[in-house]
């Protein structure tokens, strides 16, 4: 019975669509990097509640969006109801090896 259901669901699909279908449910890790900095351990240990850590990005500068540790896009921080989100403004083309 499952074979008939699968045959009906995949009827009319091209081989390209069928091969893509297999990866749709694979989870990926998305990381958004607001900025970076470096400091010495003694500076880190002096940080306390309310401390401000200055990052290398300027206000309004695009932030980096990584998928599985690979840079794929840049974007801007947005507020969605009571959460923060990211609007993608630039897609980074993959380098050919």
N, C-alpha and C. Protein backbone atom coordinates (compact mmCIF):
# COMPACT_ATOMS: atom_id res chain seq x y z
N UNK A 1 0.81 -1.18 0.00
CA UNK A 1 0.00 0.00 0.00
C UNK A 1 0.87 1.26 0.00
N UNK A 2 1.97 1.23 0.74
CA UNK A 2 2.86 2.38 0.79
C UNK A 2 3.47 2.65 -0.57
N UNK A 3 3.78 1.60 -1.33
CA UNK A 3 4.37 1.78 -2.64
C UNK A 3 3.42 2.53 -3.57
N UNK A 4 2.13 2.24 -3.51
CA UNK A 4 1.15 2.92 -4.34
C UNK A 4 1.04 4.39 -3.96
N UNK A 5 1.08 4.67 -2.65
CA UNK A 5 1.01 6.06 -2.19
C UNK A 5 2.24 6.83 -2.63
N UNK A 6 3.41 6.19 -2.53
CA UNK A 6 4.65 6.85 -2.96
C UNK A 6 4.63 7.11 -4.46
N UNK A 7 4.15 6.14 -5.23
CA UNK A 7 4.09 6.30 -6.68
C UNK A 7 3.18 7.46 -7.05
N UNK A 8 2.05 7.59 -6.36
CA UNK A 8 1.12 8.69 -6.63
C UNK A 8 1.75 10.02 -6.25
N UNK A 9 2.44 10.07 -5.11
CA UNK A 9 3.04 11.32 -4.64
C UNK A 9 4.18 11.78 -5.53
N UNK A 10 4.87 10.85 -6.16
CA UNK A 10 6.04 11.22 -6.97
C UNK A 10 5.75 11.26 -8.45
N UNK A 11 4.51 10.97 -8.86
CA UNK A 11 4.15 11.00 -10.28
C UNK A 11 4.36 12.40 -10.84
N UNK A 12 4.94 12.48 -12.01
CA UNK A 12 5.12 13.76 -12.67
C UNK A 12 6.30 14.57 -12.16
N UNK A 13 7.03 14.07 -11.18
CA UNK A 13 8.19 14.80 -10.66
C UNK A 13 9.41 14.46 -11.51
N UNK A 14 10.25 15.45 -11.73
CA UNK A 14 11.47 15.23 -12.50
C UNK A 14 12.52 14.59 -11.59
N UNK A 15 13.55 13.96 -12.17
CA UNK A 15 14.61 13.36 -11.34
C UNK A 15 15.28 14.40 -10.45
N UNK A 16 15.40 15.64 -10.92
CA UNK A 16 16.01 16.70 -10.11
C UNK A 16 15.16 16.97 -8.87
N UNK A 17 13.83 17.05 -9.05
CA UNK A 17 12.94 17.28 -7.91
C UNK A 17 13.00 16.12 -6.92
N UNK A 18 13.05 14.89 -7.44
CA UNK A 18 13.11 13.73 -6.57
C UNK A 18 14.39 13.73 -5.75
N UNK A 19 15.51 14.10 -6.35
CA UNK A 19 16.77 14.12 -5.62
C UNK A 19 16.78 15.24 -4.58
N UNK A 20 16.18 16.37 -4.87
CA UNK A 20 16.09 17.44 -3.88
C UNK A 20 15.16 17.08 -2.74
N UNK A 21 14.10 16.35 -3.05
CA UNK A 21 13.12 15.95 -2.05
C UNK A 21 13.78 15.21 -0.88
N UNK A 22 14.83 14.47 -1.15
CA UNK A 22 15.49 13.68 -0.11
C UNK A 22 16.22 14.54 0.91
N UNK A 23 16.54 15.77 0.59
CA UNK A 23 17.29 16.62 1.53
C UNK A 23 16.42 17.64 2.26
N UNK A 24 15.16 17.73 1.92
CA UNK A 24 14.29 18.74 2.53
C UNK A 24 14.17 18.61 4.04
N UNK A 25 14.23 17.42 4.59
CA UNK A 25 14.03 17.21 6.02
C UNK A 25 15.33 17.13 6.82
N UNK A 26 16.46 17.38 6.18
CA UNK A 26 17.74 17.35 6.90
C UNK A 26 17.89 18.65 7.69
N UNK A 27 18.10 18.55 9.01
CA UNK A 27 18.26 19.76 9.81
C UNK A 27 19.61 20.43 9.55
N UNK A 28 19.62 21.74 9.59
CA UNK A 28 20.86 22.51 9.45
C UNK A 28 20.96 23.47 10.62
N UNK A 29 22.17 23.88 10.95
CA UNK A 29 22.39 24.82 12.04
C UNK A 29 22.62 26.20 11.43
N UNK A 30 21.80 27.16 11.84
CA UNK A 30 21.95 28.54 11.36
C UNK A 30 22.52 29.37 12.50
N UNK A 31 23.59 30.10 12.19
CA UNK A 31 24.25 30.96 13.17
C UNK A 31 24.30 32.37 12.61
N UNK A 32 23.91 33.33 13.42
CA UNK A 32 23.96 34.73 13.02
C UNK A 32 25.00 35.41 13.90
N UNK A 33 26.00 36.02 13.27
CA UNK A 33 27.10 36.64 14.01
C UNK A 33 26.94 38.15 13.97
N UNK A 34 26.66 38.73 15.12
CA UNK A 34 26.51 40.19 15.21
C UNK A 34 27.85 40.90 15.09
N UNK A 35 28.90 40.26 15.55
CA UNK A 35 30.23 40.85 15.49
C UNK A 35 31.19 40.01 16.31
N UNK A 36 32.44 40.41 16.29
CA UNK A 36 33.48 39.67 17.00
C UNK A 36 34.40 40.64 17.73
N UNK A 37 35.10 40.12 18.70
CA UNK A 37 36.13 40.86 19.38
C UNK A 37 37.10 39.88 20.01
N UNK A 38 38.21 40.36 20.44
CA UNK A 38 39.14 39.50 21.18
C UNK A 38 39.63 40.29 22.39
N UNK A 39 39.96 39.54 23.44
CA UNK A 39 40.47 40.17 24.65
C UNK A 39 41.31 39.16 25.40
N UNK A 40 42.09 39.67 26.31
CA UNK A 40 42.91 38.80 27.13
C UNK A 40 42.06 38.18 28.23
N UNK A 41 42.51 37.06 28.74
CA UNK A 41 41.77 36.35 29.77
C UNK A 41 41.54 37.24 30.99
N UNK A 42 42.55 38.02 31.38
CA UNK A 42 42.37 38.87 32.56
C UNK A 42 41.28 39.92 32.34
N UNK A 43 41.12 40.40 31.12
CA UNK A 43 40.03 41.34 30.82
C UNK A 43 38.68 40.62 30.90
N UNK A 44 38.63 39.41 30.37
CA UNK A 44 37.41 38.61 30.40
C UNK A 44 36.97 38.35 31.85
N UNK A 45 37.91 38.03 32.71
CA UNK A 45 37.59 37.73 34.10
C UNK A 45 37.09 38.96 34.86
N UNK A 46 37.42 40.16 34.38
CA UNK A 46 36.96 41.39 35.03
C UNK A 46 35.54 41.78 34.64
N UNK A 47 35.00 41.13 33.60
CA UNK A 47 33.65 41.47 33.15
C UNK A 47 32.63 41.04 34.19
N UNK A 48 31.63 41.85 34.35
CA UNK A 48 30.55 41.52 35.27
C UNK A 48 29.23 41.92 34.67
N UNK A 49 28.20 41.77 35.44
CA UNK A 49 26.86 42.11 35.00
C UNK A 49 26.81 43.57 34.54
N UNK A 50 26.25 43.80 33.38
CA UNK A 50 26.14 45.16 32.84
C UNK A 50 27.36 45.61 32.04
N UNK A 51 28.39 44.77 31.98
CA UNK A 51 29.58 45.13 31.20
C UNK A 51 29.22 45.19 29.71
N UNK A 52 29.84 46.07 29.00
CA UNK A 52 29.62 46.21 27.56
C UNK A 52 30.84 45.69 26.83
N UNK A 53 30.61 44.80 25.88
CA UNK A 53 31.70 44.27 25.05
C UNK A 53 31.55 44.88 23.67
N UNK A 54 32.53 45.65 23.26
CA UNK A 54 32.49 46.32 21.96
C UNK A 54 32.85 45.33 20.86
N UNK A 55 32.03 45.29 19.82
CA UNK A 55 32.25 44.38 18.70
C UNK A 55 32.85 45.12 17.52
N UNK A 56 33.31 44.38 16.52
CA UNK A 56 33.98 44.96 15.36
C UNK A 56 33.03 45.52 14.30
N UNK A 57 31.72 45.33 14.46
CA UNK A 57 30.74 45.84 13.48
C UNK A 57 30.22 47.20 13.92
N UNK A 58 29.88 48.01 12.92
CA UNK A 58 29.29 49.31 13.18
C UNK A 58 27.78 49.21 13.08
N UNK A 59 27.08 50.13 13.71
CA UNK A 59 25.63 50.17 13.65
C UNK A 59 25.22 50.29 12.19
N UNK A 60 24.28 49.44 11.76
CA UNK A 60 23.80 49.46 10.39
C UNK A 60 24.60 48.61 9.43
N UNK A 61 25.76 48.12 9.86
CA UNK A 61 26.59 47.26 9.01
C UNK A 61 25.96 45.87 8.94
N UNK A 62 26.05 45.22 7.79
CA UNK A 62 25.47 43.89 7.60
C UNK A 62 26.10 42.88 8.56
N UNK A 63 25.26 41.96 9.03
CA UNK A 63 25.75 40.88 9.90
C UNK A 63 25.86 39.60 9.08
N UNK A 64 26.69 38.68 9.55
CA UNK A 64 26.96 37.45 8.81
C UNK A 64 25.99 36.35 9.22
N UNK A 65 25.50 35.59 8.22
CA UNK A 65 24.60 34.47 8.44
C UNK A 65 25.30 33.21 7.93
N UNK A 66 25.48 32.25 8.82
CA UNK A 66 26.16 31.00 8.48
C UNK A 66 25.17 29.85 8.53
N UNK A 67 25.31 28.90 7.61
CA UNK A 67 24.57 27.64 7.65
C UNK A 67 25.61 26.54 7.73
N UNK A 68 25.55 25.76 8.80
CA UNK A 68 26.55 24.71 9.05
C UNK A 68 27.97 25.25 8.92
N UNK A 69 28.21 26.37 9.56
CA UNK A 69 29.53 27.02 9.63
C UNK A 69 30.05 27.54 8.29
N UNK A 70 29.18 27.69 7.31
CA UNK A 70 29.57 28.25 6.02
C UNK A 70 28.81 29.56 5.81
N UNK A 71 29.53 30.63 5.51
CA UNK A 71 28.90 31.92 5.26
C UNK A 71 28.03 31.84 4.01
N UNK A 72 26.73 32.09 4.17
CA UNK A 72 25.81 31.98 3.03
C UNK A 72 25.10 33.29 2.72
N UNK A 73 25.07 34.22 3.69
CA UNK A 73 24.32 35.45 3.46
C UNK A 73 24.75 36.52 4.45
N UNK A 74 24.30 37.73 4.17
CA UNK A 74 24.46 38.85 5.10
C UNK A 74 23.08 39.47 5.28
N UNK A 75 22.88 40.12 6.39
CA UNK A 75 21.56 40.67 6.63
C UNK A 75 21.54 41.76 7.67
N UNK A 76 20.32 42.14 8.05
CA UNK A 76 20.11 43.19 9.04
C UNK A 76 19.25 42.65 10.17
N UNK A 77 19.50 43.13 11.37
CA UNK A 77 18.71 42.74 12.53
C UNK A 77 17.36 43.44 12.46
N UNK A 78 16.29 42.68 12.74
CA UNK A 78 14.93 43.23 12.79
C UNK A 78 14.26 42.75 14.07
N UNK A 79 13.21 43.45 14.47
CA UNK A 79 12.43 43.05 15.63
C UNK A 79 11.12 42.45 15.12
N UNK A 80 10.81 41.24 15.58
CA UNK A 80 9.58 40.55 15.21
C UNK A 80 8.82 40.29 16.51
N UNK A 81 7.76 41.07 16.74
CA UNK A 81 7.02 41.03 17.99
C UNK A 81 7.99 41.25 19.14
N UNK A 82 8.20 40.26 20.01
CA UNK A 82 9.11 40.46 21.14
C UNK A 82 10.43 39.71 20.98
N UNK A 83 10.77 39.37 19.74
CA UNK A 83 12.01 38.65 19.46
C UNK A 83 12.82 39.40 18.41
N UNK A 84 14.10 39.04 18.32
CA UNK A 84 14.91 39.61 17.24
C UNK A 84 15.00 38.59 16.12
N UNK A 85 15.18 39.08 14.91
CA UNK A 85 15.31 38.23 13.74
C UNK A 85 16.31 38.85 12.79
N UNK A 86 16.42 38.26 11.62
CA UNK A 86 17.38 38.73 10.62
C UNK A 86 16.68 38.76 9.27
N UNK A 87 16.83 39.86 8.56
CA UNK A 87 16.39 39.96 7.18
C UNK A 87 17.61 39.78 6.30
N UNK A 88 17.55 38.80 5.38
CA UNK A 88 18.69 38.60 4.48
C UNK A 88 18.69 39.68 3.41
N UNK A 89 19.81 40.34 3.26
CA UNK A 89 19.93 41.41 2.27
C UNK A 89 20.88 41.05 1.14
N UNK A 90 21.70 40.02 1.37
CA UNK A 90 22.69 39.62 0.35
C UNK A 90 22.94 38.12 0.47
N UNK A 91 22.86 37.41 -0.63
CA UNK A 91 23.20 35.99 -0.66
C UNK A 91 24.64 35.87 -1.17
N UNK A 92 25.44 35.10 -0.46
CA UNK A 92 26.85 34.91 -0.83
C UNK A 92 26.92 33.72 -1.76
N UNK A 93 27.45 33.92 -2.94
CA UNK A 93 27.59 32.83 -3.89
C UNK A 93 28.71 31.89 -3.44
N UNK A 94 28.46 30.60 -3.61
CA UNK A 94 29.45 29.59 -3.21
C UNK A 94 30.66 29.66 -4.13
N UNK A 95 31.82 29.49 -3.53
CA UNK A 95 33.05 29.45 -4.32
C UNK A 95 33.17 28.08 -4.97
N UNK A 96 33.58 28.05 -6.22
CA UNK A 96 33.81 26.77 -6.89
C UNK A 96 35.20 26.29 -6.56
N UNK A 97 35.29 25.00 -6.22
CA UNK A 97 36.60 24.42 -5.85
C UNK A 97 37.23 23.77 -7.02
